Amino acid sequence: MSEQYNLVARAGSPSRRQILAGVAASLGGLTLAPSIARADSNEISHVAESIHQEPTFKASRKRLYEALTKTAEFDKVMHLGAAMQSGMALGTAPTEISAQVGGTFTIFAGHIVGRHIELAPNERIVQAWRVVDWDPGVYSIARFELIEQGSGTKIVFDHAGFPKGQAEHLAEGWKGNYWEPLAKFLA
């Protein structure tokens, strides 16, 4: 018996799970090289659209968080926005915003829907967010970071993962349907 085998034998025979894990790790190393070689082909996008905005409001983080996460509060904000003021035909669903992580939201008469991924009260909101006319199953990520700034609050906002070609439209939508009406509502 070799010295190596004696060490294994003393420690006990490897389990079936350990053997399979070892084989999988070995095979994984073999398949890694072709994946790296293909990475430079058109499998990886090097251009991704995203939105980064930093609006500031004359309100506390708590007040801003509530305006974004409480159904009655956001419904008032939403009605001050460009989409609702223009009379756009968005849908008929009522505003509903869950207060729980994993909970859903329906806003802008059902035109925007999603789910809360993270809710850190008065600090951060992260949502899986979508427009209902996007392809089924397509969700973007909207992240609102609330930063105290003097007597007000700055939102460090990032939105990514939306369909290509939508950045300009969505960026304008955030301004006209979130930031401007929020400023009016909180004034």
C-alpha atoms as a PDB file:
ATOM      1  CA  MET A   1       0.000   0.000   0.000  1.00  0.00           C
ATOM      2  CA  SER A   2       1.262   3.469  -0.794  1.00  0.00           C
ATOM      3  CA  GLU A   3       1.724   6.061   1.908  1.00  0.00           C
ATOM      4  CA  GLN A   4      -1.040   8.213   0.365  1.00  0.00           C
ATOM      5  CA  TYR A   5      -3.517   5.337   0.438  1.00  0.00           C
ATOM      6  CA  ASN A   6      -2.652   4.618   4.076  1.00  0.00           C
ATOM      7  CA  LEU A   7      -3.557   8.214   5.005  1.00  0.00           C
ATOM      8  CA  VAL A   8      -6.901   7.915   3.290  1.00  0.00           C
ATOM      9  CA  ALA A   9      -7.546   4.498   4.776  1.00  0.00           C
ATOM     10  CA  ARG A  10      -6.744   5.770   8.276  1.00  0.00           C
ATOM     11  CA  ALA A  11      -9.083   8.687   7.860  1.00  0.00           C
ATOM     12  CA  GLY A  12     -11.787   6.394   6.560  1.00  0.00           C
ATOM     13  CA  SER A  13     -12.901   5.619   3.014  1.00  0.00           C
ATOM     14  CA  PRO A  14     -14.184   8.572   1.017  1.00  0.00           C
ATOM     15  CA  SER A  15     -17.944   8.691   0.738  1.00  0.00           C
ATOM     16  CA  ARG A  16     -19.742   8.401  -2.566  1.00  0.00           C
ATOM     17  CA  ARG A  17     -20.554  12.120  -2.302  1.00  0.00           C
ATOM     18  CA  GLN A  18     -16.850  12.994  -1.876  1.00  0.00           C
ATOM     19  CA  ILE A  19     -15.908  10.877  -4.884  1.00  0.00           C
ATOM     20  CA  LEU A  20     -18.615  12.445  -7.069  1.00  0.00           C
ATOM     21  CA  ALA A  21     -17.602  15.930  -5.910  1.00  0.00           C
ATOM     22  CA  GLY A  22     -13.984  15.186  -6.825  1.00  0.00           C
ATOM     23  CA  VAL A  23     -14.950  13.908 -10.267  1.00  0.00           C
ATOM     24  CA  ALA A  24     -17.195  16.921 -10.853  1.00  0.00           C
ATOM     25  CA  ALA A  25     -14.411  19.299  -9.822  1.00  0.00           C
ATOM     26  CA  SER A  26     -11.996  17.554 -12.180  1.00  0.00           C
ATOM     27  CA  LEU A  27     -14.425  17.665 -15.095  1.00  0.00           C
ATOM     28  CA  GLY A  28     -15.330  21.261 -14.295  1.00  0.00           C
ATOM     29  CA  GLY A  29     -11.701  22.231 -14.742  1.00  0.00           C
ATOM     30  CA  LEU A  30     -11.689  20.572 -18.160  1.00  0.00           C
ATOM     31  CA  THR A  31     -14.772  22.440 -19.344  1.00  0.00           C
ATOM     32  CA  LEU A  32     -13.541  25.781 -18.044  1.00  0.00           C
ATOM     33  CA  ALA A  33     -10.907  26.258 -20.736  1.00  0.00           C
ATOM     34  CA  PRO A  34     -13.339  26.131 -23.705  1.00  0.00           C
ATOM     35  CA  SER A  35     -15.682  28.564 -21.890  1.00  0.00           C
ATOM     36  CA  ILE A  36     -12.917  31.083 -21.476  1.00  0.00           C
ATOM     37  CA  ALA A  37     -12.001  30.739 -25.139  1.00  0.00           C
ATOM     38  CA  ARG A  38     -15.597  31.474 -26.164  1.00  0.00           C
ATOM     39  CA  ALA A  39     -15.961  34.420 -23.795  1.00  0.00           C
ATOM     40  CA  ASP A  40     -14.488  36.779 -26.366  1.00  0.00           C
ATOM     41  CA  SER A  41     -17.093  35.804 -28.933  1.00  0.00           C
ATOM     42  CA  ASN A  42     -20.509  37.468 -28.775  1.00  0.00           C
ATOM     43  CA  GLU A  43     -21.637  35.674 -25.603  1.00  0.00           C
ATOM     44  CA  ILE A  44     -20.823  38.536 -23.256  1.00  0.00           C
ATOM     45  CA  SER A  45     -22.255  41.989 -23.648  1.00  0.00           C
ATOM     46  CA  HIS A  46     -19.722  44.706 -23.084  1.00  0.00           C
ATOM     47  CA  VAL A  47     -22.339  47.407 -23.496  1.00  0.00           C
ATOM     48  CA  ALA A  48     -25.191  47.489 -21.017  1.00  0.00           C
ATOM     49  CA  GLU A  49     -27.659  50.280 -20.584  1.00  0.00           C
ATOM     50  CA  SER A  50     -28.272  51.551 -17.090  1.00  0.00           C
ATOM     51  CA  ILE A  51     -29.575  54.673 -15.398  1.00  0.00           C
ATOM     52  CA  HIS A  52     -27.902  56.518 -12.535  1.00  0.00           C
ATOM     53  CA  GLN A  53     -29.641  59.559 -11.026  1.00  0.00           C
ATOM     54  CA  GLU A  54     -29.160  61.459  -7.752  1.00  0.00           C
ATOM     55  CA  PRO A  55     -32.193  63.634  -6.977  1.00  0.00           C
ATOM     56  CA  THR A  56     -32.272  65.534  -3.681  1.00  0.00           C
ATOM     57  CA  PHE A  57     -35.399  66.250  -1.646  1.00  0.00           C
ATOM     58  CA  LYS A  58     -36.274  68.555   1.247  1.00  0.00           C
ATOM     59  CA  ALA A  59     -37.491  65.729   3.450  1.00  0.00           C
ATOM     60  CA  SER A  60     -36.117  63.231   5.941  1.00  0.00           C
ATOM     61  CA  ARG A  61     -35.089  59.755   4.870  1.00  0.00           C
ATOM     62  CA  LYS A  62     -38.050  58.377   6.833  1.00  0.00           C
ATOM     63  CA  ARG A  63     -40.533  60.632   5.039  1.00  0.00           C
ATOM     64  CA  LEU A  64     -39.067  59.792   1.622  1.00  0.00           C
ATOM     65  CA  TYR A  65     -39.017  56.058   2.364  1.00  0.00           C
ATOM     66  CA  GLU A  66     -42.697  56.188   3.364  1.00  0.00           C
ATOM     67  CA  ALA A  67     -43.628  58.118   0.221  1.00  0.00           C
ATOM     68  CA  LEU A  68     -42.038  55.369  -1.882  1.00  0.00           C
ATOM     69  CA  THR A  69     -43.287  52.331   0.041  1.00  0.00           C
ATOM     70  CA  LYS A  70     -46.724  53.116   1.462  1.00  0.00           C
ATOM     71  CA  THR A  71     -49.655  52.586  -0.886  1.00  0.00           C
ATOM     72  CA  ALA A  72     -51.649  55.708   0.077  1.00  0.00           C
ATOM     73  CA  GLU A  73     -48.552  57.931   0.017  1.00  0.00           C
ATOM     74  CA  PHE A  74     -47.244  56.706  -3.336  1.00  0.00           C
ATOM     75  CA  ASP A  75     -50.707  56.889  -4.882  1.00  0.00           C
ATOM     76  CA  LYS A  76     -50.737  60.640  -4.118  1.00  0.00           C
ATOM     77  CA  VAL A  77     -47.233  61.044  -5.586  1.00  0.00           C
ATOM     78  CA  MET A  78     -48.165  59.065  -8.677  1.00  0.00           C
ATOM     79  CA  HIS A  79     -51.156  61.299  -9.416  1.00  0.00           C
ATOM     80  CA  LEU A  80     -48.824  64.327  -9.515  1.00  0.00           C
ATOM     81  CA  GLY A  81     -46.628  62.657 -12.176  1.00  0.00           C
ATOM     82  CA  ALA A  82     -46.442  63.292 -15.898  1.00  0.00           C
ATOM     83  CA  ALA A  83     -48.052  59.998 -16.939  1.00  0.00           C
ATOM     84  CA  MET A  84     -51.160  60.493 -14.826  1.00  0.00           C
ATOM     85  CA  GLN A  85     -51.402  64.221 -15.599  1.00  0.00           C
ATOM     86  CA  SER A  86     -51.255  63.552 -19.347  1.00  0.00           C
ATOM     87  CA  GLY A  87     -54.221  61.192 -19.194  1.00  0.00           C
ATOM     88  CA  MET A  88     -52.224  58.309 -20.705  1.00  0.00           C
ATOM     89  CA  ALA A  89     -54.199  55.089 -20.854  1.00  0.00           C
ATOM     90  CA  LEU A  90     -52.154  52.998 -18.416  1.00  0.00           C
ATOM     91  CA  GLY A  91     -54.651  50.519 -17.034  1.00  0.00           C
ATOM     92  CA  THR A  92     -57.193  50.284 -14.249  1.00  0.00           C
ATOM     93  CA  ALA A  93     -55.430  48.432 -11.425  1.00  0.00           C
ATOM     94  CA  PRO A  94     -55.325  50.205  -8.059  1.00  0.00           C
ATOM     95  CA  THR A  95     -52.015  51.175  -6.470  1.00  0.00           C
ATOM     96  CA  GLU A  96     -50.869  48.391  -4.142  1.00  0.00           C
ATOM     97  CA  ILE A  97     -47.487  48.268  -2.414  1.00  0.00           C
ATOM     98  CA  SER A  98     -46.556  45.473  -0.030  1.00  0.00           C
ATOM     99  CA  ALA A  99     -44.583  46.408   3.072  1.00  0.00           C
ATOM    100  CA  GLN A 100     -42.712  43.078   3.070  1.00  0.00           C
ATOM    101  CA  VAL A 101     -39.528  41.842   1.429  1.00  0.00           C
ATOM    102  CA  GLY A 102     -40.688  39.527  -1.344  1.00  0.00           C
ATOM    103  CA  GLY A 103     -44.019  41.345  -1.491  1.00  0.00           C
ATOM    104  CA  THR A 104     -45.381  42.714  -4.737  1.00  0.00           C
ATOM    105  CA  PHE A 105     -46.303  46.169  -5.937  1.00  0.00           C
ATOM    106  CA  THR A 106     -48.611  47.446  -8.671  1.00  0.00           C
ATOM    107  CA  ILE A 107     -48.330  51.133  -9.573  1.00  0.00           C
ATOM    108  CA  PHE A 108     -49.352  53.518 -12.343  1.00  0.00           C
ATOM    109  CA  ALA A 109     -52.724  51.822 -12.794  1.00  0.00           C
ATOM    110  CA  GLY A 110     -51.057  48.438 -13.282  1.00  0.00           C
ATOM    111  CA  HIS A 111     -48.566  49.623 -15.931  1.00  0.00           C
ATOM    112  CA  ILE A 112     -45.609  49.002 -13.572  1.00  0.00           C
ATOM    113  CA  VAL A 113     -45.399  45.863 -11.417  1.00  0.00           C
ATOM    114  CA  GLY A 114     -42.729  44.128  -9.423  1.00  0.00           C
ATOM    115  CA  ARG A 115     -41.481  42.687  -6.174  1.00  0.00           C
ATOM    116  CA  HIS A 116     -39.414  44.031  -3.279  1.00  0.00           C
ATOM    117  CA  ILE A 117     -36.030  42.328  -3.140  1.00  0.00           C
ATOM    118  CA  GLU A 118     -34.744  44.368  -0.199  1.00  0.00           C
ATOM    119  CA  LEU A 119     -36.367  46.840   2.160  1.00  0.00           C
ATOM    120  CA  ALA A 120     -34.066  48.499   4.686  1.00  0.00           C
ATOM    121  CA  PRO A 121     -36.378  51.068   6.326  1.00  0.00           C
ATOM    122  CA  ASN A 122     -35.269  54.659   5.779  1.00  0.00           C
ATOM    123  CA  GLU A 123     -32.085  53.449   4.039  1.00  0.00           C
ATOM    124  CA  ARG A 124     -32.623  51.358   0.911  1.00  0.00           C
ATOM    125  CA  ILE A 125     -35.227  49.893  -1.423  1.00  0.00           C
ATOM    126  CA  VAL A 126     -34.319  47.329  -4.079  1.00  0.00           C
ATOM    127  CA  GLN A 127     -37.005  46.148  -6.461  1.00  0.00           C
ATOM    128  CA  ALA A 128     -37.457  43.715  -9.332  1.00  0.00           C
ATOM    129  CA  TRP A 129     -39.305  46.206 -11.533  1.00  0.00           C
ATOM    130  CA  ARG A 130     -41.026  45.845 -14.909  1.00  0.00           C
ATOM    131  CA  VAL A 131     -43.323  47.539 -17.371  1.00  0.00           C
ATOM    132  CA  VAL A 132     -46.191  45.181 -18.186  1.00  0.00           C
ATOM    133  CA  ASP A 133     -45.663  45.357 -21.940  1.00  0.00           C
ATOM    134  CA  TRP A 134     -42.085  44.020 -21.692  1.00  0.00           C
ATOM    135  CA  ASP A 135     -41.597  40.393 -22.735  1.00  0.00           C
ATOM    136  CA  PRO A 136     -42.892  37.944 -20.099  1.00  0.00           C
ATOM    137  CA  GLY A 137     -40.404  37.253 -17.321  1.00  0.00           C
ATOM    138  CA  VAL A 138     -38.258  40.325 -18.033  1.00  0.00           C
ATOM    139  CA  TYR A 139     -37.549  42.275 -14.828  1.00  0.00           C
ATOM    140  CA  SER A 140     -35.073  45.059 -14.232  1.00  0.00           C
ATOM    141  CA  ILE A 141     -33.498  46.039 -10.908  1.00  0.00           C
ATOM    142  CA  ALA A 142     -34.292  49.449  -9.424  1.00  0.00           C
ATOM    143  CA  ARG A 143     -32.191  50.451  -6.399  1.00  0.00           C
ATOM    144  CA  PHE A 144     -32.969  53.480  -4.220  1.00  0.00           C
ATOM    145  CA  GLU A 145     -30.271  54.357  -1.649  1.00  0.00           C
ATOM    146  CA  LEU A 146     -31.449  57.102   0.758  1.00  0.00           C
ATOM    147  CA  ILE A 147     -28.563  59.314   1.912  1.00  0.00           C
ATOM    148  CA  GLU A 148     -29.029  62.010   4.536  1.00  0.00           C
ATOM    149  CA  GLN A 149     -27.885  65.352   3.155  1.00  0.00           C
ATOM    150  CA  GLY A 150     -28.176  68.210   5.651  1.00  0.00           C
ATOM    151  CA  SER A 151     -31.867  68.603   6.422  1.00  0.00           C
ATOM    152  CA  GLY A 152     -32.820  66.720   3.266  1.00  0.00           C
ATOM    153  CA  THR A 153     -32.229  63.401   1.562  1.00  0.00           C
ATOM    154  CA  LYS A 154     -30.479  62.420  -1.633  1.00  0.00           C
ATOM    155  CA  ILE A 155     -31.562  59.297  -3.469  1.00  0.00           C
ATOM    156  CA  VAL A 156     -28.701  57.508  -5.159  1.00  0.00           C
ATOM    157  CA  PHE A 157     -30.733  55.702  -7.778  1.00  0.00           C
ATOM    158  CA  ASP A 158     -29.576  52.959 -10.124  1.00  0.00           C
ATOM    159  CA  HIS A 159     -31.715  51.107 -12.629  1.00  0.00           C
ATOM    160  CA  ALA A 160     -30.323  48.263 -14.757  1.00  0.00           C
ATOM    161  CA  GLY A 161     -31.379  45.132 -16.588  1.00  0.00           C
ATOM    162  CA  PHE A 162     -34.139  46.673 -18.666  1.00  0.00           C
ATOM    163  CA  PRO A 163     -34.640  45.907 -22.377  1.00  0.00           C
ATOM    164  CA  LYS A 164     -32.113  47.439 -24.748  1.00  0.00           C
ATOM    165  CA  GLY A 165     -33.139  50.796 -26.184  1.00  0.00           C
ATOM    166  CA  GLN A 166     -35.281  51.778 -23.172  1.00  0.00           C
ATOM    167  CA  ALA A 167     -32.742  53.869 -21.200  1.00  0.00           C
ATOM    168  CA  GLU A 168     -33.705  57.327 -22.464  1.00  0.00           C
ATOM    169  CA  HIS A 169     -37.436  56.719 -22.098  1.00  0.00           C
ATOM    170  CA  LEU A 170     -37.053  55.237 -18.614  1.00  0.00           C
ATOM    171  CA  ALA A 171     -34.668  57.985 -17.430  1.00  0.00           C
ATOM    172  CA  GLU A 172     -37.224  60.613 -18.438  1.00  0.00           C
ATOM    173  CA  GLY A 173     -39.946  58.555 -16.774  1.00  0.00           C
ATOM    174  CA  TRP A 174     -38.070  58.486 -13.467  1.00  0.00           C
ATOM    175  CA  LYS A 175     -37.760  62.279 -13.569  1.00  0.00           C
ATOM    176  CA  GLY A 176     -41.323  63.019 -14.649  1.00  0.00           C
ATOM    177  CA  ASN A 177     -43.131  60.315 -12.693  1.00  0.00           C
ATOM    178  CA  TYR A 178     -41.023  59.900  -9.555  1.00  0.00           C
ATOM    179  CA  TRP A 179     -38.590  62.741  -8.766  1.00  0.00           C
ATOM    180  CA  GLU A 180     -40.651  65.784  -9.842  1.00  0.00           C
ATOM    181  CA  PRO A 181     -43.931  64.595  -8.260  1.00  0.00           C
ATOM    182  CA  LEU A 182     -42.063  63.495  -5.109  1.00  0.00           C
ATOM    183  CA  ALA A 183     -40.617  67.004  -4.785  1.00  0.00           C
ATOM    184  CA  LYS A 184     -44.128  68.497  -5.121  1.00  0.00           C
ATOM    185  CA  PHE A 185     -45.632  66.007  -2.686  1.00  0.00           C
ATOM    186  CA  LEU A 186     -42.941  66.543  -0.051  1.00  0.00           C
ATOM    187  CA  ALA A 187     -42.900  70.340  -0.313  1.00  0.00           C
END
